Amino acid sequence: MGIQIIRQSAGIQDLRDGGAVARPLSQPACTTRALALAGADPHKAGVWECTVGRYERQVAEGEVMHILAGRCTFTPTGGQPLRIEAGDTVFFPPHTTGVWHIEEAMRKVYVVLAG
């Protein structure tokens, strides 16, 4: 796969519906949309967004993300809440668990690192 450019990734509209999060903690459940990049194997990469609400983090692998829009709090299991907002870049080590509280619809560019 060649070089891919996602023009104006903060505002693109052609994301695919990902449905509700797997472990919602709020009603209605947060819903997601995403654009996955082809050719990143064995990793996963793309643009992802989530509506307002709370849910448990489900990604077992390490992940780096850059927040394009929105704001939230992530509370790691046994840890203190971390404030995350547009412009922040975050790294989650493998097996990080905790709770997302999306306060303003969030959009990110992500790379999930394979084992």
C-alpha atoms as a PDB file:
ATOM      1  CA  MET A   1       0.000   0.000   0.000  1.00  0.00           C
ATOM      2  CA  GLY A   2       1.305   3.426  -0.872  1.00  0.00           C
ATOM      3  CA  ILE A   3       1.289   6.673   1.050  1.00  0.00           C
ATOM      4  CA  GLN A   4      -2.170   7.669   2.248  1.00  0.00           C
ATOM      5  CA  ILE A   5      -3.266  11.193   3.081  1.00  0.00           C
ATOM      6  CA  ILE A   6      -6.406  11.878   5.080  1.00  0.00           C
ATOM      7  CA  ARG A   7      -7.113  15.472   4.191  1.00  0.00           C
ATOM      8  CA  GLN A   8      -8.504  17.573   7.046  1.00  0.00           C
ATOM      9  CA  SER A   9      -8.908  14.530   9.292  1.00  0.00           C
ATOM     10  CA  ALA A  10     -10.480  16.628  12.047  1.00  0.00           C
ATOM     11  CA  GLY A  11     -13.507  17.266   9.848  1.00  0.00           C
ATOM     12  CA  ILE A  12     -13.909  14.348   7.431  1.00  0.00           C
ATOM     13  CA  GLN A  13     -17.430  12.975   7.288  1.00  0.00           C
ATOM     14  CA  ASP A  14     -17.012   9.627   5.510  1.00  0.00           C
ATOM     15  CA  LEU A  15     -16.385   7.547   8.638  1.00  0.00           C
ATOM     16  CA  ARG A  16     -18.054   4.120   8.898  1.00  0.00           C
ATOM     17  CA  ASP A  17     -20.571   3.430  11.652  1.00  0.00           C
ATOM     18  CA  GLY A  18     -19.017   1.241  14.345  1.00  0.00           C
ATOM     19  CA  GLY A  19     -22.121   0.904  16.491  1.00  0.00           C
ATOM     20  CA  ALA A  20     -22.221   1.048  20.271  1.00  0.00           C
ATOM     21  CA  VAL A  21     -19.141   0.514  22.447  1.00  0.00           C
ATOM     22  CA  ALA A  22     -18.737  -3.038  23.819  1.00  0.00           C
ATOM     23  CA  ARG A  23     -18.978  -2.207  27.523  1.00  0.00           C
ATOM     24  CA  PRO A  24     -21.110   0.914  27.968  1.00  0.00           C
ATOM     25  CA  LEU A  25     -21.486   2.508  31.403  1.00  0.00           C
ATOM     26  CA  SER A  26     -24.021   5.126  30.329  1.00  0.00           C
ATOM     27  CA  GLN A  27     -27.361   5.148  28.550  1.00  0.00           C
ATOM     28  CA  PRO A  28     -27.689   5.661  25.753  1.00  0.00           C
ATOM     29  CA  ALA A  29     -24.437   3.833  25.015  1.00  0.00           C
ATOM     30  CA  CYS A  30     -21.648   5.771  23.296  1.00  0.00           C
ATOM     31  CA  THR A  31     -21.528   5.137  19.559  1.00  0.00           C
ATOM     32  CA  THR A  32     -18.477   5.150  17.333  1.00  0.00           C
ATOM     33  CA  ARG A  33     -17.478   5.834  13.733  1.00  0.00           C
ATOM     34  CA  ALA A  34     -14.107   5.165  12.152  1.00  0.00           C
ATOM     35  CA  LEU A  35     -11.941   5.184   9.060  1.00  0.00           C
ATOM     36  CA  ALA A  36      -9.353   2.395   9.177  1.00  0.00           C
ATOM     37  CA  LEU A  37      -6.187   2.731   7.108  1.00  0.00           C
ATOM     38  CA  ALA A  38      -5.328  -0.179   4.855  1.00  0.00           C
ATOM     39  CA  GLY A  39      -1.786  -1.538   4.824  1.00  0.00           C
ATOM     40  CA  ALA A  40      -0.875  -0.904   8.477  1.00  0.00           C
ATOM     41  CA  ASP A  41      -0.711  -4.645   9.254  1.00  0.00           C
ATOM     42  CA  PRO A  42       0.042  -6.063  11.733  1.00  0.00           C
ATOM     43  CA  HIS A  43      -0.959  -2.799  13.451  1.00  0.00           C
ATOM     44  CA  LYS A  44      -4.268  -0.923  13.223  1.00  0.00           C
ATOM     45  CA  ALA A  45      -4.448   2.776  12.413  1.00  0.00           C
ATOM     46  CA  GLY A  46      -6.986   5.359  11.383  1.00  0.00           C
ATOM     47  CA  VAL A  47      -9.396   8.052  12.516  1.00  0.00           C
ATOM     48  CA  TRP A  48     -11.987   7.239  15.186  1.00  0.00           C
ATOM     49  CA  GLU A  49     -14.721   9.185  16.925  1.00  0.00           C
ATOM     50  CA  CYS A  50     -17.046   8.598  19.851  1.00  0.00           C
ATOM     51  CA  THR A  51     -20.189  10.275  21.162  1.00  0.00           C
ATOM     52  CA  VAL A  52     -20.684  11.520  24.722  1.00  0.00           C
ATOM     53  CA  GLY A  53     -20.964   8.958  27.536  1.00  0.00           C
ATOM     54  CA  ARG A  54     -18.964   6.484  29.625  1.00  0.00           C
ATOM     55  CA  TYR A  55     -17.503   3.053  28.844  1.00  0.00           C
ATOM     56  CA  GLU A  56     -14.764   0.591  29.788  1.00  0.00           C
ATOM     57  CA  ARG A  57     -11.590   0.569  27.667  1.00  0.00           C
ATOM     58  CA  GLN A  58     -11.390  -2.605  25.533  1.00  0.00           C
ATOM     59  CA  VAL A  59      -8.024  -2.331  23.748  1.00  0.00           C
ATOM     60  CA  ALA A  60      -5.517  -4.878  25.118  1.00  0.00           C
ATOM     61  CA  GLU A  61      -2.633  -3.741  22.894  1.00  0.00           C
ATOM     62  CA  GLY A  62      -0.548  -0.611  23.307  1.00  0.00           C
ATOM     63  CA  GLU A  63      -2.022   2.443  21.610  1.00  0.00           C
ATOM     64  CA  VAL A  64      -0.874   5.914  20.708  1.00  0.00           C
ATOM     65  CA  MET A  65      -3.469   8.546  19.837  1.00  0.00           C
ATOM     66  CA  HIS A  66      -3.649  12.214  18.967  1.00  0.00           C
ATOM     67  CA  ILE A  67      -6.894  13.937  19.927  1.00  0.00           C
ATOM     68  CA  LEU A  68      -8.242  16.062  17.073  1.00  0.00           C
ATOM     69  CA  ALA A  69     -11.463  17.255  18.730  1.00  0.00           C
ATOM     70  CA  GLY A  70     -13.383  16.949  21.978  1.00  0.00           C
ATOM     71  CA  ARG A  71     -12.505  16.376  25.596  1.00  0.00           C
ATOM     72  CA  CYS A  72     -12.740  13.546  28.078  1.00  0.00           C
ATOM     73  CA  THR A  73     -11.413  12.021  31.259  1.00  0.00           C
ATOM     74  CA  PHE A  74      -9.765   8.611  31.391  1.00  0.00           C
ATOM     75  CA  THR A  75      -9.512   6.967  34.796  1.00  0.00           C
ATOM     76  CA  PRO A  76      -7.043   4.062  34.788  1.00  0.00           C
ATOM     77  CA  THR A  77      -7.968   1.129  37.023  1.00  0.00           C
ATOM     78  CA  GLY A  78      -6.622   2.004  40.475  1.00  0.00           C
ATOM     79  CA  GLY A  79      -5.410   5.421  39.298  1.00  0.00           C
ATOM     80  CA  GLN A  80      -6.353   9.067  39.221  1.00  0.00           C
ATOM     81  CA  PRO A  81      -8.500  10.624  36.452  1.00  0.00           C
ATOM     82  CA  LEU A  82      -6.514  12.045  33.518  1.00  0.00           C
ATOM     83  CA  ARG A  83      -7.914  15.031  31.624  1.00  0.00           C
ATOM     84  CA  ILE A  84      -7.482  14.645  27.833  1.00  0.00           C
ATOM     85  CA  GLU A  85      -8.530  17.179  25.198  1.00  0.00           C
ATOM     86  CA  ALA A  86      -8.050  18.313  21.609  1.00  0.00           C
ATOM     87  CA  GLY A  87      -4.369  18.791  20.832  1.00  0.00           C
ATOM     88  CA  ASP A  88      -3.139  16.138  23.301  1.00  0.00           C
ATOM     89  CA  THR A  89      -1.148  13.057  22.277  1.00  0.00           C
ATOM     90  CA  VAL A  90      -1.497  10.039  24.581  1.00  0.00           C
ATOM     91  CA  PHE A  91       0.215   6.643  24.857  1.00  0.00           C
ATOM     92  CA  PHE A  92      -1.512   3.708  26.552  1.00  0.00           C
ATOM     93  CA  PRO A  93       0.798   0.795  27.446  1.00  0.00           C
ATOM     94  CA  PRO A  94      -0.497  -2.711  26.679  1.00  0.00           C
ATOM     95  CA  HIS A  95      -3.159  -4.031  29.085  1.00  0.00           C
ATOM     96  CA  THR A  96      -4.208  -0.560  30.271  1.00  0.00           C
ATOM     97  CA  THR A  97      -7.719  -0.789  31.689  1.00  0.00           C
ATOM     98  CA  GLY A  98     -10.016   1.883  33.001  1.00  0.00           C
ATOM     99  CA  VAL A  99     -13.037   4.032  32.226  1.00  0.00           C
ATOM    100  CA  TRP A 100     -13.515   6.639  29.516  1.00  0.00           C
ATOM    101  CA  HIS A 101     -15.839   9.545  30.270  1.00  0.00           C
ATOM    102  CA  ILE A 102     -16.396  11.372  26.968  1.00  0.00           C
ATOM    103  CA  GLU A 103     -17.649  14.853  27.859  1.00  0.00           C
ATOM    104  CA  GLU A 104     -17.582  16.343  24.354  1.00  0.00           C
ATOM    105  CA  ALA A 105     -17.696  14.155  21.232  1.00  0.00           C
ATOM    106  CA  MET A 106     -14.120  13.029  20.647  1.00  0.00           C
ATOM    107  CA  ARG A 107     -12.193  12.365  17.445  1.00  0.00           C
ATOM    108  CA  LYS A 108      -8.696  10.924  17.349  1.00  0.00           C
ATOM    109  CA  VAL A 109      -6.027   9.597  15.048  1.00  0.00           C
ATOM    110  CA  TYR A 110      -4.859   6.272  16.475  1.00  0.00           C
ATOM    111  CA  VAL A 111      -2.278   3.532  16.049  1.00  0.00           C
ATOM    112  CA  VAL A 112      -2.877   0.271  17.910  1.00  0.00           C
ATOM    113  CA  LEU A 113       0.418  -1.596  18.200  1.00  0.00           C
ATOM    114  CA  ALA A 114       0.383  -5.331  17.493  1.00  0.00           C
ATOM    115  CA  GLY A 115       1.679  -7.670  20.214  1.00  0.00           C
END
